[in-house]
Amino acid sequence: SFHQECVKRVKNLHTSDCLRANKSTMAWGLE
C-alpha cells in the first residue's frame, strides 16, 4: 500500500506540487 501510494502521488505531481512550483514562480518570470 505504501509503494502504491508513492506511485500514485508521483504520477499526479503535475496536478499539485509541480503545478505549484511552476506557476507560483513563473508568475514573476522566475524558473
PDB file of all heavy atoms in Angstrom:
ATOM      1  N   SER A   1       0.827  -1.205   0.000  1.00  0.00           N
ATOM      2  CA  SER A   1       0.000   0.000   0.000  1.00  0.00           C
ATOM      3  C   SER A   1       0.859   1.252   0.000  1.00  0.00           C
ATOM      4  O   SER A   1       0.549   2.246  -0.664  1.00  0.00           O
ATOM      5  CB  SER A   1      -0.928   0.009   1.221  1.00  0.00           C
ATOM      6  OG  SER A   1      -1.804  -1.090   1.194  1.00  0.00           O
ATOM      7  N   PHE A   2       1.947   1.217   0.761  1.00  0.00           N
ATOM      8  CA  PHE A   2       2.856   2.358   0.840  1.00  0.00           C
ATOM      9  C   PHE A   2       3.426   2.664  -0.546  1.00  0.00           C
ATOM     10  O   PHE A   2       3.416   3.814  -1.009  1.00  0.00           O
ATOM     11  CB  PHE A   2       3.978   2.050   1.834  1.00  0.00           C
ATOM     12  CG  PHE A   2       4.797   3.242   2.244  1.00  0.00           C
ATOM     13  CD1 PHE A   2       4.635   3.820   3.494  1.00  0.00           C
ATOM     14  CD2 PHE A   2       5.750   3.786   1.392  1.00  0.00           C
ATOM     15  CE1 PHE A   2       5.386   4.921   3.886  1.00  0.00           C
ATOM     16  CE2 PHE A   2       6.515   4.882   1.771  1.00  0.00           C
ATOM     17  CZ  PHE A   2       6.336   5.446   3.023  1.00  0.00           C
ATOM     18  N   HIS A   3       3.933   1.637  -1.227  1.00  0.00           N
ATOM     19  CA  HIS A   3       4.521   1.832  -2.546  1.00  0.00           C
ATOM     20  C   HIS A   3       3.479   2.314  -3.551  1.00  0.00           C
ATOM     21  O   HIS A   3       3.744   3.230  -4.352  1.00  0.00           O
ATOM     22  CB  HIS A   3       5.150   0.535  -3.051  1.00  0.00           C
ATOM     23  CG  HIS A   3       5.647   0.622  -4.455  1.00  0.00           C
ATOM     24  ND1 HIS A   3       6.766   1.339  -4.808  1.00  0.00           N
ATOM     25  CD2 HIS A   3       5.150   0.105  -5.629  1.00  0.00           C
ATOM     26  CE1 HIS A   3       6.956   1.260  -6.125  1.00  0.00           C
ATOM     27  NE2 HIS A   3       5.992   0.519  -6.633  1.00  0.00           N
ATOM     28  N   GLN A   4       2.298   1.727  -3.522  1.00  0.00           N
ATOM     29  CA  GLN A   4       1.256   2.129  -4.464  1.00  0.00           C
ATOM     30  C   GLN A   4       0.863   3.590  -4.277  1.00  0.00           C
ATOM     31  O   GLN A   4       0.603   4.301  -5.247  1.00  0.00           O
ATOM     32  CB  GLN A   4       0.035   1.220  -4.308  1.00  0.00           C
ATOM     33  CG  GLN A   4       0.268  -0.196  -4.813  1.00  0.00           C
ATOM     34  CD  GLN A   4      -0.929  -1.094  -4.556  1.00  0.00           C
ATOM     35  OE1 GLN A   4      -1.584  -1.004  -3.519  1.00  0.00           O
ATOM     36  NE2 GLN A   4      -1.231  -1.961  -5.509  1.00  0.00           N
ATOM     37  N   GLU A   5       0.839   4.041  -3.020  1.00  0.00           N
ATOM     38  CA  GLU A   5       0.514   5.439  -2.775  1.00  0.00           C
ATOM     39  C   GLU A   5       1.632   6.350  -3.276  1.00  0.00           C
ATOM     40  O   GLU A   5       1.372   7.435  -3.820  1.00  0.00           O
ATOM     41  CB  GLU A   5       0.258   5.669  -1.281  1.00  0.00           C
ATOM     42  CG  GLU A   5      -0.136   7.082  -0.905  1.00  0.00           C
ATOM     43  CD  GLU A   5      -1.522   7.487  -1.394  1.00  0.00           C
ATOM     44  OE1 GLU A   5      -2.217   6.690  -2.050  1.00  0.00           O
ATOM     45  OE2 GLU A   5      -1.918   8.637  -1.113  1.00  0.00           O
ATOM     46  N   CYS A   6       2.892   5.926  -3.130  1.00  0.00           N
ATOM     47  CA  CYS A   6       4.015   6.704  -3.670  1.00  0.00           C
ATOM     48  C   CYS A   6       3.891   6.843  -5.188  1.00  0.00           C
ATOM     49  O   CYS A   6       4.037   7.939  -5.746  1.00  0.00           O
ATOM     50  CB  CYS A   6       5.348   6.043  -3.326  1.00  0.00           C
ATOM     51  SG  CYS A   6       5.887   6.249  -1.616  1.00  0.00           S
ATOM     52  N   VAL A   7       3.623   5.739  -5.858  1.00  0.00           N
ATOM     53  CA  VAL A   7       3.493   5.761  -7.319  1.00  0.00           C
ATOM     54  C   VAL A   7       2.344   6.687  -7.728  1.00  0.00           C
ATOM     55  O   VAL A   7       2.473   7.496  -8.653  1.00  0.00           O
ATOM     56  CB  VAL A   7       3.272   4.341  -7.878  1.00  0.00           C
ATOM     57  CG1 VAL A   7       2.952   4.390  -9.366  1.00  0.00           C
ATOM     58  CG2 VAL A   7       4.501   3.478  -7.633  1.00  0.00           C
ATOM     59  N   LYS A   8       1.229   6.560  -7.034  1.00  0.00           N
ATOM     60  CA  LYS A   8       0.071   7.392  -7.345  1.00  0.00           C
ATOM     61  C   LYS A   8       0.401   8.868  -7.181  1.00  0.00           C
ATOM     62  O   LYS A   8       0.032   9.704  -8.027  1.00  0.00           O
ATOM     63  CB  LYS A   8      -1.102   7.006  -6.434  1.00  0.00           C
ATOM     64  CG  LYS A   8      -2.357   7.820  -6.669  1.00  0.00           C
ATOM     65  CD  LYS A   8      -3.465   7.382  -5.711  1.00  0.00           C
ATOM     66  CE  LYS A   8      -4.726   8.219  -5.898  1.00  0.00           C
ATOM     67  NZ  LYS A   8      -5.808   7.816  -4.947  1.00  0.00           N
ATOM     68  N   ARG A   9       1.096   9.215  -6.094  1.00  0.00           N
ATOM     69  CA  ARG A   9       1.430  10.617  -5.838  1.00  0.00           C
ATOM     70  C   ARG A   9       2.414  11.159  -6.870  1.00  0.00           C
ATOM     71  O   ARG A   9       2.310  12.305  -7.307  1.00  0.00           O
ATOM     72  CB  ARG A   9       1.993  10.779  -4.427  1.00  0.00           C
ATOM     73  CG  ARG A   9       0.956  10.651  -3.324  1.00  0.00           C
ATOM     74  CD  ARG A   9      -0.144  11.680  -3.471  1.00  0.00           C
ATOM     75  NE  ARG A   9      -1.200  11.522  -2.486  1.00  0.00           N
ATOM     76  CZ  ARG A   9      -2.402  12.074  -2.567  1.00  0.00           C
ATOM     77  NH1 ARG A   9      -2.715  12.805  -3.629  1.00  0.00           N
ATOM     78  NH2 ARG A   9      -3.294  11.912  -1.635  1.00  0.00           N
ATOM     79  N   VAL A  10       3.392  10.347  -7.264  1.00  0.00           N
ATOM     80  CA  VAL A  10       4.346  10.797  -8.278  1.00  0.00           C
ATOM     81  C   VAL A  10       3.636  11.000  -9.612  1.00  0.00           C
ATOM     82  O   VAL A  10       3.872  11.986 -10.323  1.00  0.00           O
ATOM     83  CB  VAL A  10       5.519   9.802  -8.418  1.00  0.00           C
ATOM     84  CG1 VAL A  10       6.395  10.162  -9.618  1.00  0.00           C
ATOM     85  CG2 VAL A  10       6.361   9.782  -7.147  1.00  0.00           C
ATOM     86  N   LYS A  11       2.762  10.065  -9.967  1.00  0.00           N
ATOM     87  CA  LYS A  11       2.024  10.190 -11.222  1.00  0.00           C
ATOM     88  C   LYS A  11       1.161  11.451 -11.262  1.00  0.00           C
ATOM     89  O   LYS A  11       0.891  11.995 -12.339  1.00  0.00           O
ATOM     90  CB  LYS A  11       1.117   8.970 -11.423  1.00  0.00           C
ATOM     91  CG  LYS A  11       1.838   7.693 -11.818  1.00  0.00           C
ATOM     92  CD  LYS A  11       0.838   6.572 -12.030  1.00  0.00           C
ATOM     93  CE  LYS A  11       1.501   5.293 -12.509  1.00  0.00           C
ATOM     94  NZ  LYS A  11       0.538   4.209 -12.732  1.00  0.00           N
ATOM     95  N   ASN A  12       0.730  11.912 -10.091  1.00  0.00           N
ATOM     96  CA  ASN A  12      -0.166  13.065 -10.039  1.00  0.00           C
ATOM     97  C   ASN A  12       0.520  14.344  -9.563  1.00  0.00           C
ATOM     98  O   ASN A  12      -0.163  15.341  -9.258  1.00  0.00           O
ATOM     99  CB  ASN A  12      -1.361  12.759  -9.128  1.00  0.00           C
ATOM    100  CG  ASN A  12      -2.319  11.773  -9.768  1.00  0.00           C
ATOM    101  OD1 ASN A  12      -3.059  12.111 -10.689  1.00  0.00           O
ATOM    102  ND2 ASN A  12      -2.303  10.541  -9.304  1.00  0.00           N
ATOM    103  N   LEU A  13       1.844  14.336  -9.533  1.00  0.00           N
ATOM    104  CA  LEU A  13       2.564  15.534  -9.106  1.00  0.00           C
ATOM    105  C   LEU A  13       2.244  16.748  -9.965  1.00  0.00           C
ATOM    106  O   LEU A  13       2.279  17.887  -9.497  1.00  0.00           O
ATOM    107  CB  LEU A  13       4.074  15.269  -9.136  1.00  0.00           C
ATOM    108  CG  LEU A  13       4.719  14.858  -7.814  1.00  0.00           C
ATOM    109  CD1 LEU A  13       6.138  14.374  -8.058  1.00  0.00           C
ATOM    110  CD2 LEU A  13       4.717  16.014  -6.835  1.00  0.00           C
ATOM    111  N   HIS A  14       1.944  16.501 -11.237  1.00  0.00           N
ATOM    112  CA  HIS A  14       1.668  17.626 -12.141  1.00  0.00           C
ATOM    113  C   HIS A  14       0.393  18.370 -11.783  1.00  0.00           C
ATOM    114  O   HIS A  14       0.174  19.492 -12.235  1.00  0.00           O
ATOM    115  CB  HIS A  14       1.593  17.135 -13.591  1.00  0.00           C
ATOM    116  CG  HIS A  14       0.420  16.244 -13.868  1.00  0.00           C
ATOM    117  ND1 HIS A  14       0.360  14.939 -13.398  1.00  0.00           N
ATOM    118  CD2 HIS A  14      -0.736  16.450 -14.557  1.00  0.00           C
ATOM    119  CE1 HIS A  14      -0.773  14.402 -13.800  1.00  0.00           C
ATOM    120  NE2 HIS A  14      -1.459  15.298 -14.505  1.00  0.00           N
ATOM    121  N   THR A  15      -0.454  17.760 -10.939  1.00  0.00           N
ATOM    122  CA  THR A  15      -1.688  18.432 -10.528  1.00  0.00           C
ATOM    123  C   THR A  15      -1.531  19.201  -9.225  1.00  0.00           C
ATOM    124  O   THR A  15      -2.435  19.946  -8.847  1.00  0.00           O
ATOM    125  CB  THR A  15      -2.827  17.407 -10.336  1.00  0.00           C
ATOM    126  OG1 THR A  15      -2.545  16.583  -9.184  1.00  0.00           O
ATOM    127  CG2 THR A  15      -2.981  16.516 -11.559  1.00  0.00           C
ATOM    128  N   SER A  16      -0.389  19.028  -8.545  1.00  0.00           N
ATOM    129  CA  SER A  16      -0.234  19.642  -7.228  1.00  0.00           C
ATOM    130  C   SER A  16       1.115  20.347  -7.099  1.00  0.00           C
ATOM    131  O   SER A  16       1.261  21.501  -7.487  1.00  0.00           O
ATOM    132  CB  SER A  16      -0.407  18.581  -6.135  1.00  0.00           C
ATOM    133  OG  SER A  16       0.457  17.471  -6.354  1.00  0.00           O
ATOM    134  N   ASP A  17       2.129  19.658  -6.559  1.00  0.00           N
ATOM    135  CA  ASP A  17       3.388  20.330  -6.232  1.00  0.00           C
ATOM    136  C   ASP A  17       4.128  20.850  -7.459  1.00  0.00           C
ATOM    137  O   ASP A  17       4.736  21.917  -7.409  1.00  0.00           O
ATOM    138  CB  ASP A  17       4.303  19.393  -5.441  1.00  0.00           C
ATOM    139  CG  ASP A  17       3.901  19.316  -3.975  1.00  0.00           C
ATOM    140  OD1 ASP A  17       2.738  19.659  -3.675  1.00  0.00           O
ATOM    141  OD2 ASP A  17       4.720  18.925  -3.140  1.00  0.00           O
ATOM    142  N   CYS A  18       4.124  20.113  -8.553  1.00  0.00           N
ATOM    143  CA  CYS A  18       4.778  20.608  -9.767  1.00  0.00           C
ATOM    144  C   CYS A  18       4.048  21.828 -10.300  1.00  0.00           C
ATOM    145  O   CYS A  18       4.672  22.813 -10.716  1.00  0.00           O
ATOM    146  CB  CYS A  18       4.834  19.517 -10.839  1.00  0.00           C
ATOM    147  SG  CYS A  18       6.084  18.263 -10.533  1.00  0.00           S
ATOM    148  N   LEU A  19       2.723  21.769 -10.284  1.00  0.00           N
ATOM    149  CA  LEU A  19       1.923  22.903 -10.723  1.00  0.00           C
ATOM    150  C   LEU A  19       2.222  24.120  -9.852  1.00  0.00           C
ATOM    151  O   LEU A  19       2.420  25.232 -10.349  1.00  0.00           O
ATOM    152  CB  LEU A  19       0.445  22.529 -10.670  1.00  0.00           C
ATOM    153  CG  LEU A  19      -0.582  23.567 -11.139  1.00  0.00           C
ATOM    154  CD1 LEU A  19      -1.799  22.868 -11.734  1.00  0.00           C
ATOM    155  CD2 LEU A  19      -1.034  24.473  -9.998  1.00  0.00           C
ATOM    156  N   ARG A  20       2.266  23.897  -8.532  1.00  0.00           N
ATOM    157  CA  ARG A  20       2.547  24.999  -7.602  1.00  0.00           C
ATOM    158  C   ARG A  20       3.918  25.606  -7.849  1.00  0.00           C
ATOM    159  O   ARG A  20       4.073  26.826  -7.973  1.00  0.00           O
ATOM    160  CB  ARG A  20       2.456  24.498  -6.156  1.00  0.00           C
ATOM    161  CG  ARG A  20       3.045  25.471  -5.138  1.00  0.00           C
ATOM    162  CD  ARG A  20       2.838  25.005  -3.713  1.00  0.00           C
ATOM    163  NE  ARG A  20       3.420  23.714  -3.431  1.00  0.00           N
ATOM    164  CZ  ARG A  20       4.694  23.523  -3.106  1.00  0.00           C
ATOM    165  NH1 ARG A  20       5.536  24.540  -3.071  1.00  0.00           N
ATOM    166  NH2 ARG A  20       5.145  22.305  -2.832  1.00  0.00           N
ATOM    167  N   ALA A  21       4.946  24.755  -7.913  1.00  0.00           N
ATOM    168  CA  ALA A  21       6.309  25.257  -8.067  1.00  0.00           C
ATOM    169  C   ALA A  21       6.479  25.993  -9.392  1.00  0.00           C
ATOM    170  O   ALA A  21       7.161  27.015  -9.466  1.00  0.00           O
ATOM    171  CB  ALA A  21       7.302  24.103  -7.976  1.00  0.00           C
ATOM    172  N   ASN A  22       5.844  25.472 -10.445  1.00  0.00           N
ATOM    173  CA  ASN A  22       5.989  26.091 -11.756  1.00  0.00           C
ATOM    174  C   ASN A  22       5.251  27.418 -11.834  1.00  0.00           C
ATOM    175  O   ASN A  22       5.815  28.451 -12.199  1.00  0.00           O
ATOM    176  CB  ASN A  22       5.480  25.130 -12.837  1.00  0.00           C
ATOM    177  CG  ASN A  22       5.694  25.662 -14.235  1.00  0.00           C
ATOM    178  OD1 ASN A  22       4.967  26.535 -14.701  1.00  0.00           O
ATOM    179  ND2 ASN A  22       6.691  25.144 -14.926  1.00  0.00           N
ATOM    180  N   LYS A  23       3.984  27.406 -11.494  1.00  0.00           N
ATOM    181  CA  LYS A  23       3.175  28.597 -11.733  1.00  0.00           C
ATOM    182  C   LYS A  23       3.368  29.692 -10.689  1.00  0.00           C
ATOM    183  O   LYS A  23       3.245  30.881 -11.015  1.00  0.00           O
ATOM    184  CB  LYS A  23       1.704  28.203 -11.833  1.00  0.00           C
ATOM    185  CG  LYS A  23       1.386  27.378 -13.078  1.00  0.00           C
ATOM    186  CD  LYS A  23      -0.095  27.067 -13.175  1.00  0.00           C
ATOM    187  CE  LYS A  23      -0.433  26.315 -14.459  1.00  0.00           C
ATOM    188  NZ  LYS A  23      -1.861  25.984 -14.550  1.00  0.00           N
ATOM    189  N   SER A  24       3.677  29.317  -9.432  1.00  0.00           N
ATOM    190  CA  SER A  24       3.905  30.348  -8.410  1.00  0.00           C
ATOM    191  C   SER A  24       5.148  31.161  -8.721  1.00  0.00           C
ATOM    192  O   SER A  24       5.198  32.369  -8.465  1.00  0.00           O
ATOM    193  CB  SER A  24       4.071  29.701  -7.025  1.00  0.00           C
ATOM    194  OG  SER A  24       2.914  29.011  -6.647  1.00  0.00           O
ATOM    195  N   THR A  25       6.162  30.504  -9.250  1.00  0.00           N
ATOM    196  CA  THR A  25       7.409  31.191  -9.578  1.00  0.00           C
ATOM    197  C   THR A  25       7.320  31.879 -10.944  1.00  0.00           C
ATOM    198  O   THR A  25       7.707  33.028 -11.103  1.00  0.00           O
ATOM    199  CB  THR A  25       8.587  30.210  -9.563  1.00  0.00           C
ATOM    200  OG1 THR A  25       8.290  29.092 -10.431  1.00  0.00           O
ATOM    201  CG2 THR A  25       8.835  29.685  -8.161  1.00  0.00           C
ATOM    202  N   MET A  26       6.771  31.174 -11.944  1.00  0.00           N
ATOM    203  CA  MET A  26       6.714  31.732 -13.291  1.00  0.00           C
ATOM    204  C   MET A  26       5.731  32.892 -13.396  1.00  0.00           C
ATOM    205  O   MET A  26       5.740  33.632 -14.378  1.00  0.00           O
ATOM    206  CB  MET A  26       6.351  30.642 -14.294  1.00  0.00           C
ATOM    207  CG  MET A  26       7.461  29.632 -14.522  1.00  0.00           C
ATOM    208  SD  MET A  26       8.989  30.368 -15.123  1.00  0.00           S
ATOM    209  CE  MET A  26       8.517  30.796 -16.796  1.00  0.00           C
ATOM    210  N   ALA A  27       4.896  33.083 -12.386  1.00  0.00           N
ATOM    211  CA  ALA A  27       4.044  34.273 -12.350  1.00  0.00           C
ATOM    212  C   ALA A  27       4.889  35.540 -12.384  1.00  0.00           C
ATOM    213  O   ALA A  27       4.429  36.596 -12.830  1.00  0.00           O
ATOM    214  CB  ALA A  27       3.172  34.257 -11.090  1.00  0.00           C
ATOM    215  N   TRP A  28       6.132  35.427 -11.911  1.00  0.00           N
ATOM    216  CA  TRP A  28       7.052  36.566 -11.879  1.00  0.00           C
ATOM    217  C   TRP A  28       8.269  36.348 -12.777  1.00  0.00           C
ATOM    218  O   TRP A  28       9.274  37.046 -12.652  1.00  0.00           O
ATOM    219  CB  TRP A  28       7.505  36.831 -10.444  1.00  0.00           C
ATOM    220  CG  TRP A  28       6.354  37.105  -9.541  1.00  0.00           C
ATOM    221  CD1 TRP A  28       5.828  36.290  -8.594  1.00  0.00           C
ATOM    222  CD2 TRP A  28       5.549  38.294  -9.530  1.00  0.00           C
ATOM    223  NE1 TRP A  28       4.746  36.871  -7.983  1.00  0.00           N
ATOM    224  CE2 TRP A  28       4.554  38.103  -8.536  1.00  0.00           C
ATOM    225  CE3 TRP A  28       5.573  39.500 -10.253  1.00  0.00           C
ATOM    226  CZ2 TRP A  28       3.598  39.081  -8.257  1.00  0.00           C
ATOM    227  CZ3 TRP A  28       4.613  40.456  -9.970  1.00  0.00           C
ATOM    228  CH2 TRP A  28       3.642  40.252  -8.984  1.00  0.00           C
ATOM    229  N   GLY A  29       8.203  35.385 -13.695  1.00  0.00           N
ATOM    230  CA  GLY A  29       9.334  35.141 -14.580  1.00  0.00           C
ATOM    231  C   GLY A  29      10.524  34.556 -13.849  1.00  0.00           C
ATOM    232  O   GLY A  29      11.681  34.868 -14.155  1.00  0.00           O
ATOM    233  N   LEU A  30      10.268  33.690 -12.867  1.00  0.00           N
ATOM    234  CA  LEU A  30      11.312  33.011 -12.110  1.00  0.00           C
ATOM    235  C   LEU A  30      11.182  31.514 -12.359  1.00  0.00           C
ATOM    236  O   LEU A  30      10.092  30.955 -12.224  1.00  0.00           O
ATOM    237  CB  LEU A  30      11.157  33.313 -10.615  1.00  0.00           C
ATOM    238  CG  LEU A  30      12.116  32.618  -9.653  1.00  0.00           C
ATOM    239  CD1 LEU A  30      13.538  33.139  -9.833  1.00  0.00           C
ATOM    240  CD2 LEU A  30      11.653  32.820  -8.205  1.00  0.00           C
ATOM    241  N   GLU A  31      12.280  30.868 -12.720  1.00  0.00           N
ATOM    242  CA  GLU A  31      12.238  29.441 -13.027  1.00  0.00           C
ATOM    243  C   GLU A  31      12.646  28.608 -11.815  1.00  0.00           C
ATOM    244  O   GLU A  31      13.674  28.868 -11.199  1.00  0.00           O
ATOM    245  CB  GLU A  31      13.192  29.148 -14.189  1.00  0.00           C
ATOM    246  CG  GLU A  31      13.315  27.666 -14.519  1.00  0.00           C
ATOM    247  CD  GLU A  31      14.188  27.432 -15.743  1.00  0.00           C
ATOM    248  OE1 GLU A  31      13.770  27.855 -16.838  1.00  0.00           O
ATOM    249  OE2 GLU A  31      15.275  26.856 -15.605  1.00  0.00           O
TER     250      GLU A  31
END
